[in-house]
Amino acid sequence: MYMPGQGLFLALGQATTGQPWAGVVLSVALLCGAICWMLRGWMPPGWALLGGLIVRSAWGSSATG
Protein backbone atom coordinates (compact mmCIF):
# COMPACT_ATOMS: atom_id res chain seq x y z
CA MET A 1 0.00 0.00 0.00
CA TYR A 2 1.29 3.45 -0.90
CA MET A 3 1.11 6.38 1.44
CA PRO A 4 -1.35 9.07 0.30
CA GLY A 5 1.07 11.96 0.94
CA GLN A 6 3.66 10.58 -1.43
CA GLY A 7 1.05 10.10 -4.14
CA LEU A 8 -0.27 13.63 -3.64
CA PHE A 9 3.19 15.13 -4.09
CA LEU A 10 3.81 13.03 -7.19
CA ALA A 11 0.44 14.10 -8.61
CA LEU A 12 1.20 17.74 -7.80
CA GLY A 13 4.50 17.53 -9.64
CA GLN A 14 2.81 15.85 -12.61
CA ALA A 15 0.05 18.45 -12.73
CA THR A 16 2.29 21.50 -12.45
CA THR A 17 5.36 20.60 -14.48
CA GLY A 18 4.52 17.35 -16.25
CA GLN A 19 7.22 15.53 -14.27
CA PRO A 20 6.42 13.64 -11.04
CA TRP A 21 10.03 14.21 -9.93
CA ALA A 22 9.15 17.88 -9.29
CA GLY A 23 6.82 16.72 -6.53
CA VAL A 24 9.66 14.77 -4.94
CA VAL A 25 11.88 17.85 -5.06
CA LEU A 26 9.11 19.91 -3.46
CA SER A 27 8.57 17.38 -0.67
CA VAL A 28 12.30 17.23 0.11
CA ALA A 29 12.45 21.05 0.16
CA LEU A 30 9.55 21.18 2.62
CA LEU A 31 11.19 18.50 4.76
CA CYS A 32 14.46 20.43 4.91
CA GLY A 33 12.63 23.63 5.76
CA ALA A 34 10.75 21.94 8.58
CA ILE A 35 13.96 20.39 9.97
CA CYS A 36 15.72 23.76 9.83
CA TRP A 37 12.78 25.45 11.56
CA MET A 38 12.79 22.78 14.28
CA LEU A 39 16.54 23.10 14.84
CA ARG A 40 16.23 26.89 15.22
CA GLY A 41 14.54 26.20 18.56
CA TRP A 42 17.71 24.62 19.94
CA MET A 43 20.61 25.97 17.92
CA PRO A 44 21.88 29.22 16.41
CA PRO A 45 20.57 29.96 12.89
CA GLY A 46 23.80 28.96 11.13
CA TRP A 47 23.85 25.53 12.73
CA ALA A 48 20.16 25.03 12.02
CA LEU A 49 20.76 25.81 8.34
CA LEU A 50 23.66 23.37 8.27
CA GLY A 51 21.39 20.71 9.76
CA GLY A 52 18.82 21.34 7.02
CA LEU A 53 21.51 21.04 4.36
CA ILE A 54 22.77 17.78 5.85
CA VAL A 55 19.25 16.37 5.70
CA ARG A 56 19.01 17.51 2.08
CA SER A 57 22.22 15.74 1.14
CA ALA A 58 21.11 12.52 2.83
CA TRP A 59 17.40 12.50 1.91
CA GLY A 60 17.54 14.33 -1.40
CA SER A 61 19.86 11.81 -2.95
CA SER A 62 17.54 8.88 -2.32
CA ALA A 63 15.30 7.61 -5.08
CA THR A 64 12.04 8.09 -3.18
CA GLY A 65 12.65 11.50 -1.60
PDB file of N, CA and C in Angstrom:
ATOM      1  N   MET A   1       0.836  -1.173   0.000  1.00  0.00           N
ATOM      2  CA  MET A   1       0.000   0.000   0.000  1.00  0.00           C
ATOM      3  C   MET A   1       0.889   1.248   0.000  1.00  0.00           C
ATOM      4  N   TYR A   2       0.540   2.202  -0.830  1.00  0.00           N
ATOM      5  CA  TYR A   2       1.293   3.446  -0.900  1.00  0.00           C
ATOM      6  C   TYR A   2       0.706   4.469   0.054  1.00  0.00           C
ATOM      7  N   MET A   3       1.561   5.319   0.556  1.00  0.00           N
ATOM      8  CA  MET A   3       1.112   6.377   1.445  1.00  0.00           C
ATOM      9  C   MET A   3       0.442   7.482   0.625  1.00  0.00           C
ATOM     10  N   PRO A   4      -0.650   8.066   1.105  1.00  0.00           N
ATOM     11  CA  PRO A   4      -1.346   9.074   0.302  1.00  0.00           C
ATOM     12  C   PRO A   4      -0.536  10.358   0.112  1.00  0.00           C
ATOM     13  N   GLY A   5       0.273  10.740   1.072  1.00  0.00           N
ATOM     14  CA  GLY A   5       1.066  11.963   0.942  1.00  0.00           C
ATOM     15  C   GLY A   5       2.054  11.886  -0.205  1.00  0.00           C
ATOM     16  N   GLN A   6       2.704  10.750  -0.345  1.00  0.00           N
ATOM     17  CA  GLN A   6       3.662  10.579  -1.432  1.00  0.00           C
ATOM     18  C   GLN A   6       2.961  10.661  -2.780  1.00  0.00           C
ATOM     19  N   GLY A   7       1.808  10.035  -2.896  1.00  0.00           N
ATOM     20  CA  GLY A   7       1.049  10.098  -4.136  1.00  0.00           C
ATOM     21  C   GLY A   7       0.565  11.503  -4.457  1.00  0.00           C
ATOM     22  N   LEU A   8       0.177  12.253  -3.418  1.00  0.00           N
ATOM     23  CA  LEU A   8      -0.269  13.631  -3.644  1.00  0.00           C
ATOM     24  C   LEU A   8       0.861  14.511  -4.162  1.00  0.00           C
ATOM     25  N   PHE A   9       2.062  14.342  -3.607  1.00  0.00           N
ATOM     26  CA  PHE A   9       3.192  15.134  -4.086  1.00  0.00           C
ATOM     27  C   PHE A   9       3.574  14.744  -5.506  1.00  0.00           C
ATOM     28  N   LEU A  10       3.519  13.460  -5.823  1.00  0.00           N
ATOM     29  CA  LEU A  10       3.805  13.031  -7.194  1.00  0.00           C
ATOM     30  C   LEU A  10       2.766  13.587  -8.167  1.00  0.00           C
ATOM     31  N   ALA A  11       1.496  13.562  -7.757  1.00  0.00           N
ATOM     32  CA  ALA A  11       0.438  14.101  -8.611  1.00  0.00           C
ATOM     33  C   ALA A  11       0.584  15.609  -8.775  1.00  0.00           C
ATOM     34  N   LEU A  12       0.991  16.303  -7.711  1.00  0.00           N
ATOM     35  CA  LEU A  12       1.200  17.744  -7.798  1.00  0.00           C
ATOM     36  C   LEU A  12       2.325  18.076  -8.772  1.00  0.00           C
ATOM     37  N   GLY A  13       3.405  17.327  -8.700  1.00  0.00           N
ATOM     38  CA  GLY A  13       4.496  17.527  -9.643  1.00  0.00           C
ATOM     39  C   GLY A  13       4.083  17.242 -11.069  1.00  0.00           C
ATOM     40  N   GLN A  14       3.298  16.196 -11.267  1.00  0.00           N
ATOM     41  CA  GLN A  14       2.814  15.846 -12.609  1.00  0.00           C
ATOM     42  C   GLN A  14       1.885  16.922 -13.146  1.00  0.00           C
ATOM     43  N   ALA A  15       1.028  17.459 -12.286  1.00  0.00           N
ATOM     44  CA  ALA A  15       0.051  18.454 -12.730  1.00  0.00           C
ATOM     45  C   ALA A  15       0.702  19.802 -13.031  1.00  0.00           C
ATOM     46  N   THR A  16       1.713  20.172 -12.273  1.00  0.00           N
ATOM     47  CA  THR A  16       2.292  21.503 -12.450  1.00  0.00           C
ATOM     48  C   THR A  16       3.383  21.552 -13.508  1.00  0.00           C
ATOM     49  N   THR A  17       4.228  20.540 -13.556  1.00  0.00           N
ATOM     50  CA  THR A  17       5.365  20.597 -14.484  1.00  0.00           C
ATOM     51  C   THR A  17       5.362  19.487 -15.527  1.00  0.00           C
ATOM     52  N   GLY A  18       4.513  18.485 -15.336  1.00  0.00           N
ATOM     53  CA  GLY A  18       4.518  17.351 -16.250  1.00  0.00           C
ATOM     54  C   GLY A  18       5.501  16.269 -15.842  1.00  0.00           C
ATOM     55  N   GLN A  19       6.237  16.494 -14.762  1.00  0.00           N
ATOM     56  CA  GLN A  19       7.216  15.525 -14.268  1.00  0.00           C
ATOM     57  C   GLN A  19       6.936  15.213 -12.794  1.00  0.00           C
ATOM     58  N   PRO A  20       6.662  13.974 -12.440  1.00  0.00           N
ATOM     59  CA  PRO A  20       6.422  13.642 -11.036  1.00  0.00           C
ATOM     60  C   PRO A  20       7.623  13.951 -10.140  1.00  0.00           C
ATOM     61  N   TRP A  21       8.816  13.953 -10.717  1.00  0.00           N
ATOM     62  CA  TRP A  21      10.025  14.207  -9.926  1.00  0.00           C
ATOM     63  C   TRP A  21       9.972  15.590  -9.271  1.00  0.00           C
ATOM     64  N   ALA A  22       9.275  16.540  -9.874  1.00  0.00           N
ATOM     65  CA  ALA A  22       9.151  17.879  -9.289  1.00  0.00           C
ATOM     66  C   ALA A  22       8.428  17.808  -7.951  1.00  0.00           C
ATOM     67  N   GLY A  23       7.493  16.899  -7.810  1.00  0.00           N
ATOM     68  CA  GLY A  23       6.820  16.717  -6.526  1.00  0.00           C
ATOM     69  C   GLY A  23       7.751  16.169  -5.470  1.00  0.00           C
ATOM     70  N   VAL A  24       8.673  15.292  -5.876  1.00  0.00           N
ATOM     71  CA  VAL A  24       9.665  14.766  -4.939  1.00  0.00           C
ATOM     72  C   VAL A  24      10.593  15.881  -4.477  1.00  0.00           C
ATOM     73  N   VAL A  25      11.015  16.716  -5.410  1.00  0.00           N
ATOM     74  CA  VAL A  25      11.879  17.846  -5.063  1.00  0.00           C
ATOM     75  C   VAL A  25      11.157  18.779  -4.096  1.00  0.00           C
ATOM     76  N   LEU A  26       9.888  19.047  -4.345  1.00  0.00           N
ATOM     77  CA  LEU A  26       9.113  19.907  -3.456  1.00  0.00           C
ATOM     78  C   LEU A  26       8.980  19.299  -2.062  1.00  0.00           C
ATOM     79  N   SER A  27       8.719  18.003  -1.981  1.00  0.00           N
ATOM     80  CA  SER A  27       8.568  17.375  -0.670  1.00  0.00           C
ATOM     81  C   SER A  27       9.877  17.379   0.110  1.00  0.00           C
ATOM     82  N   VAL A  28      11.008  17.182  -0.563  1.00  0.00           N
ATOM     83  CA  VAL A  28      12.304  17.233   0.112  1.00  0.00           C
ATOM     84  C   VAL A  28      12.600  18.655   0.577  1.00  0.00           C
ATOM     85  N   ALA A  29      12.234  19.652  -0.236  1.00  0.00           N
ATOM     86  CA  ALA A  29      12.449  21.047   0.164  1.00  0.00           C
ATOM     87  C   ALA A  29      11.616  21.388   1.397  1.00  0.00           C
ATOM     88  N   LEU A  30      10.385  20.935   1.440  1.00  0.00           N
ATOM     89  CA  LEU A  30       9.549  21.178   2.617  1.00  0.00           C
ATOM     90  C   LEU A  30      10.091  20.448   3.848  1.00  0.00           C
ATOM     91  N   LEU A  31      10.591  19.239   3.657  1.00  0.00           N
ATOM     92  CA  LEU A  31      11.192  18.499   4.761  1.00  0.00           C
ATOM     93  C   LEU A  31      12.394  19.241   5.325  1.00  0.00           C
ATOM     94  N   CYS A  32      13.264  19.718   4.455  1.00  0.00           N
ATOM     95  CA  CYS A  32      14.462  20.429   4.908  1.00  0.00           C
ATOM     96  C   CYS A  32      14.099  21.732   5.610  1.00  0.00           C
ATOM     97  N   GLY A  33      13.088  22.416   5.096  1.00  0.00           N
ATOM     98  CA  GLY A  33      12.632  23.633   5.756  1.00  0.00           C
ATOM     99  C   GLY A  33      12.068  23.364   7.135  1.00  0.00           C
ATOM    100  N   ALA A  34      11.316  22.289   7.277  1.00  0.00           N
ATOM    101  CA  ALA A  34      10.753  21.939   8.581  1.00  0.00           C
ATOM    102  C   ALA A  34      11.848  21.532   9.566  1.00  0.00           C
ATOM    103  N   ILE A  35      12.840  20.791   9.104  1.00  0.00           N
ATOM    104  CA  ILE A  35      13.960  20.393   9.971  1.00  0.00           C
ATOM    105  C   ILE A  35      14.743  21.629  10.424  1.00  0.00           C
ATOM    106  N   CYS A  36      14.995  22.540   9.492  1.00  0.00           N
ATOM    107  CA  CYS A  36      15.722  23.765   9.828  1.00  0.00           C
ATOM    108  C   CYS A  36      14.930  24.590  10.843  1.00  0.00           C
ATOM    109  N   TRP A  37      13.637  24.690  10.651  1.00  0.00           N
ATOM    110  CA  TRP A  37      12.780  25.445  11.562  1.00  0.00           C
ATOM    111  C   TRP A  37      12.800  24.809  12.953  1.00  0.00           C
ATOM    112  N   MET A  38      12.749  23.471  13.003  1.00  0.00           N
ATOM    113  CA  MET A  38      12.789  22.778  14.276  1.00  0.00           C
ATOM    114  C   MET A  38      14.123  23.007  14.984  1.00  0.00           C
ATOM    115  N   LEU A  39      15.213  22.930  14.234  1.00  0.00           N
ATOM    116  CA  LEU A  39      16.536  23.097  14.838  1.00  0.00           C
ATOM    117  C   LEU A  39      16.771  24.520  15.334  1.00  0.00           C
ATOM    118  N   ARG A  40      16.073  25.509  14.756  1.00  0.00           N
ATOM    119  CA  ARG A  40      16.231  26.886  15.219  1.00  0.00           C
ATOM    120  C   ARG A  40      15.782  27.053  16.666  1.00  0.00           C
ATOM    121  N   GLY A  41      14.962  26.145  17.159  1.00  0.00           N
ATOM    122  CA  GLY A  41      14.537  26.202  18.561  1.00  0.00           C
ATOM    123  C   GLY A  41      15.644  25.840  19.524  1.00  0.00           C
ATOM    124  N   TRP A  42      16.644  25.099  19.056  1.00  0.00           N
ATOM    125  CA  TRP A  42      17.708  24.622  19.936  1.00  0.00           C
ATOM    126  C   TRP A  42      19.086  25.140  19.584  1.00  0.00           C
ATOM    127  N   MET A  43      19.268  25.617  18.386  1.00  0.00           N
ATOM    128  CA  MET A  43      20.608  25.971  17.916  1.00  0.00           C
ATOM    129  C   MET A  43      20.615  27.369  17.309  1.00  0.00           C
ATOM    130  N   PRO A  44      21.789  27.953  17.139  1.00  0.00           N
ATOM    131  CA  PRO A  44      21.882  29.217  16.409  1.00  0.00           C
ATOM    132  C   PRO A  44      21.478  29.014  14.941  1.00  0.00           C
ATOM    133  N   PRO A  45      21.067  30.095  14.273  1.00  0.00           N
ATOM    134  CA  PRO A  45      20.567  29.962  12.887  1.00  0.00           C
ATOM    135  C   PRO A  45      21.541  29.298  11.923  1.00  0.00           C
ATOM    136  N   GLY A  46      22.830  29.569  12.047  1.00  0.00           N
ATOM    137  CA  GLY A  46      23.796  28.959  11.131  1.00  0.00           C
ATOM    138  C   GLY A  46      23.856  27.449  11.269  1.00  0.00           C
ATOM    139  N   TRP A  47      23.823  26.975  12.503  1.00  0.00           N
ATOM    140  CA  TRP A  47      23.847  25.525  12.733  1.00  0.00           C
ATOM    141  C   TRP A  47      22.545  24.871  12.279  1.00  0.00           C
ATOM    142  N   ALA A  48      21.440  25.575  12.471  1.00  0.00           N
ATOM    143  CA  ALA A  48      20.161  25.033  12.017  1.00  0.00           C
ATOM    144  C   ALA A  48      20.144  24.892  10.492  1.00  0.00           C
ATOM    145  N   LEU A  49      20.672  25.888   9.801  1.00  0.00           N
ATOM    146  CA  LEU A  49      20.756  25.806   8.338  1.00  0.00           C
ATOM    147  C   LEU A  49      21.652  24.657   7.906  1.00  0.00           C
ATOM    148  N   LEU A  50      22.766  24.492   8.587  1.00  0.00           N
ATOM    149  CA  LEU A  50      23.658  23.372   8.268  1.00  0.00           C
ATOM    150  C   LEU A  50      22.951  22.034   8.472  1.00  0.00           C
ATOM    151  N   GLY A  51      22.162  21.930   9.534  1.00  0.00           N
ATOM    152  CA  GLY A  51      21.392  20.710   9.758  1.00  0.00           C
ATOM    153  C   GLY A  51      20.403  20.441   8.642  1.00  0.00           C
ATOM    154  N   GLY A  52      19.743  21.500   8.149  1.00  0.00           N
ATOM    155  CA  GLY A  52      18.823  21.338   7.022  1.00  0.00           C
ATOM    156  C   GLY A  52      19.536  20.903   5.762  1.00  0.00           C
ATOM    157  N   LEU A  53      20.737  21.430   5.546  1.00  0.00           N
ATOM    158  CA  LEU A  53      21.509  21.037   4.358  1.00  0.00           C
ATOM    159  C   LEU A  53      22.009  19.602   4.462  1.00  0.00           C
ATOM    160  N   ILE A  54      22.343  19.174   5.664  1.00  0.00           N
ATOM    161  CA  ILE A  54      22.773  17.778   5.851  1.00  0.00           C
ATOM    162  C   ILE A  54      21.618  16.835   5.545  1.00  0.00           C
ATOM    163  N   VAL A  55      20.426  17.192   6.003  1.00  0.00           N
ATOM    164  CA  VAL A  55      19.252  16.368   5.698  1.00  0.00           C
ATOM    165  C   VAL A  55      19.014  16.335   4.192  1.00  0.00           C
ATOM    166  N   ARG A  56      19.204  17.463   3.521  1.00  0.00           N
ATOM    167  CA  ARG A  56      19.012  17.507   2.075  1.00  0.00           C
ATOM    168  C   ARG A  56      19.992  16.599   1.360  1.00  0.00           C
ATOM    169  N   SER A  57      21.241  16.587   1.815  1.00  0.00           N
ATOM    170  CA  SER A  57      22.225  15.742   1.139  1.00  0.00           C
ATOM    171  C   SER A  57      21.938  14.266   1.386  1.00  0.00           C
ATOM    172  N   ALA A  58      21.397  13.933   2.535  1.00  0.00           N
ATOM    173  CA  ALA A  58      21.107  12.523   2.832  1.00  0.00           C
ATOM    174  C   ALA A  58      19.784  12.091   2.200  1.00  0.00           C
ATOM    175  N   TRP A  59      18.732  12.893   2.366  1.00  0.00           N
ATOM    176  CA  TRP A  59      17.402  12.504   1.912  1.00  0.00           C
ATOM    177  C   TRP A  59      17.193  12.833   0.444  1.00  0.00           C
ATOM    178  N   GLY A  60      17.758  13.919  -0.016  1.00  0.00           N
ATOM    179  CA  GLY A  60      17.539  14.334  -1.399  1.00  0.00           C
ATOM    180  C   GLY A  60      18.199  13.446  -2.416  1.00  0.00           C
ATOM    181  N   SER A  61      19.191  12.682  -2.002  1.00  0.00           N
ATOM    182  CA  SER A  61      19.864  11.810  -2.950  1.00  0.00           C
ATOM    183  C   SER A  61      19.212  10.438  -3.073  1.00  0.00           C
ATOM    184  N   SER A  62      18.208  10.171  -2.234  1.00  0.00           N
ATOM    185  CA  SER A  62      17.536   8.878  -2.321  1.00  0.00           C
ATOM    186  C   SER A  62      16.573   8.878  -3.495  1.00  0.00           C
ATOM    187  N   ALA A  63      16.171   7.721  -3.915  1.00  0.00           N
ATOM    188  CA  ALA A  63      15.297   7.608  -5.078  1.00  0.00           C
ATOM    189  C   ALA A  63      13.858   7.973  -4.756  1.00  0.00           C
ATOM    190  N   THR A  64      13.441   7.842  -3.519  1.00  0.00           N
ATOM    191  CA  THR A  64      12.041   8.091  -3.182  1.00  0.00           C
ATOM    192  C   THR A  64      11.789   9.444  -2.575  1.00  0.00           C
ATOM    193  N   GLY A  65      12.818  10.168  -2.147  1.00  0.00           N
ATOM    194  CA  GLY A  65      12.650  11.495  -1.597  1.00  0.00           C
ATOM    195  C   GLY A  65      12.184  11.536  -0.195  1.00  0.00           C
TER     196      GLY A  65
END
